[in-house]
Amino acid sequence: MKRPLFTLACTLIALSPALARAAAREGIHGLGLDALNWGMSADQVAAALPALKRPAGGGGAPATLSNDLYVFQGCKFRLEAGFTEGKLSGLTLKSYEDDAQCGLDLPMVLYNAYGGASDVQLGAGDVASTWSGQTGVYFTQPIREDRAHGRIEIYDNR
């Protein structure tokens, strides 16, 4: 009688990392963006992540906030937050190709934040990986040894 409970407990322990990663897919995680949530206003996003700035001369609710030199763990990115109907709906990060000092493993950063990719495709000179869920992620990376560069699009899939 005690054997099925032991087996169930072992199974839950073994699955707990996968369950935690599955739960992580439902929000914005990794890359220093954890303070952001889908549906935030531009003011809320700017307060949560002061690195993002309004476009010069823009009044009212902006369609984007951006930073041409967003630094995460010593690596340089261009970061843009997009808004639909005044609510945060997408984020785009593009690494600086000439940033030779960057030592990040971007596929591993995304794996740790969102779990395993739901689709991976080889293109003409690049690899595209997709994560599905309420938070979607699309990552393109040139085919080469370097895993520190690429373009990441994180979007509200609800």
Foldseek 3Di string as FASTA:
>chain_A
DCVVVVVVVVVCVVCVLVVVLQVLQQADDFPPQVQDGWFDFPVSSCVSPVQWAAPPPDDDGDQKTWHQFDDGPNWGWTKMFGDDPRTTFKMKIFGDPPPPVFDDQVVVRCCSRRNAFPDWDDDDQWIWTWHDDQKIKIWIDGPDPDRRGTMIMIGGND
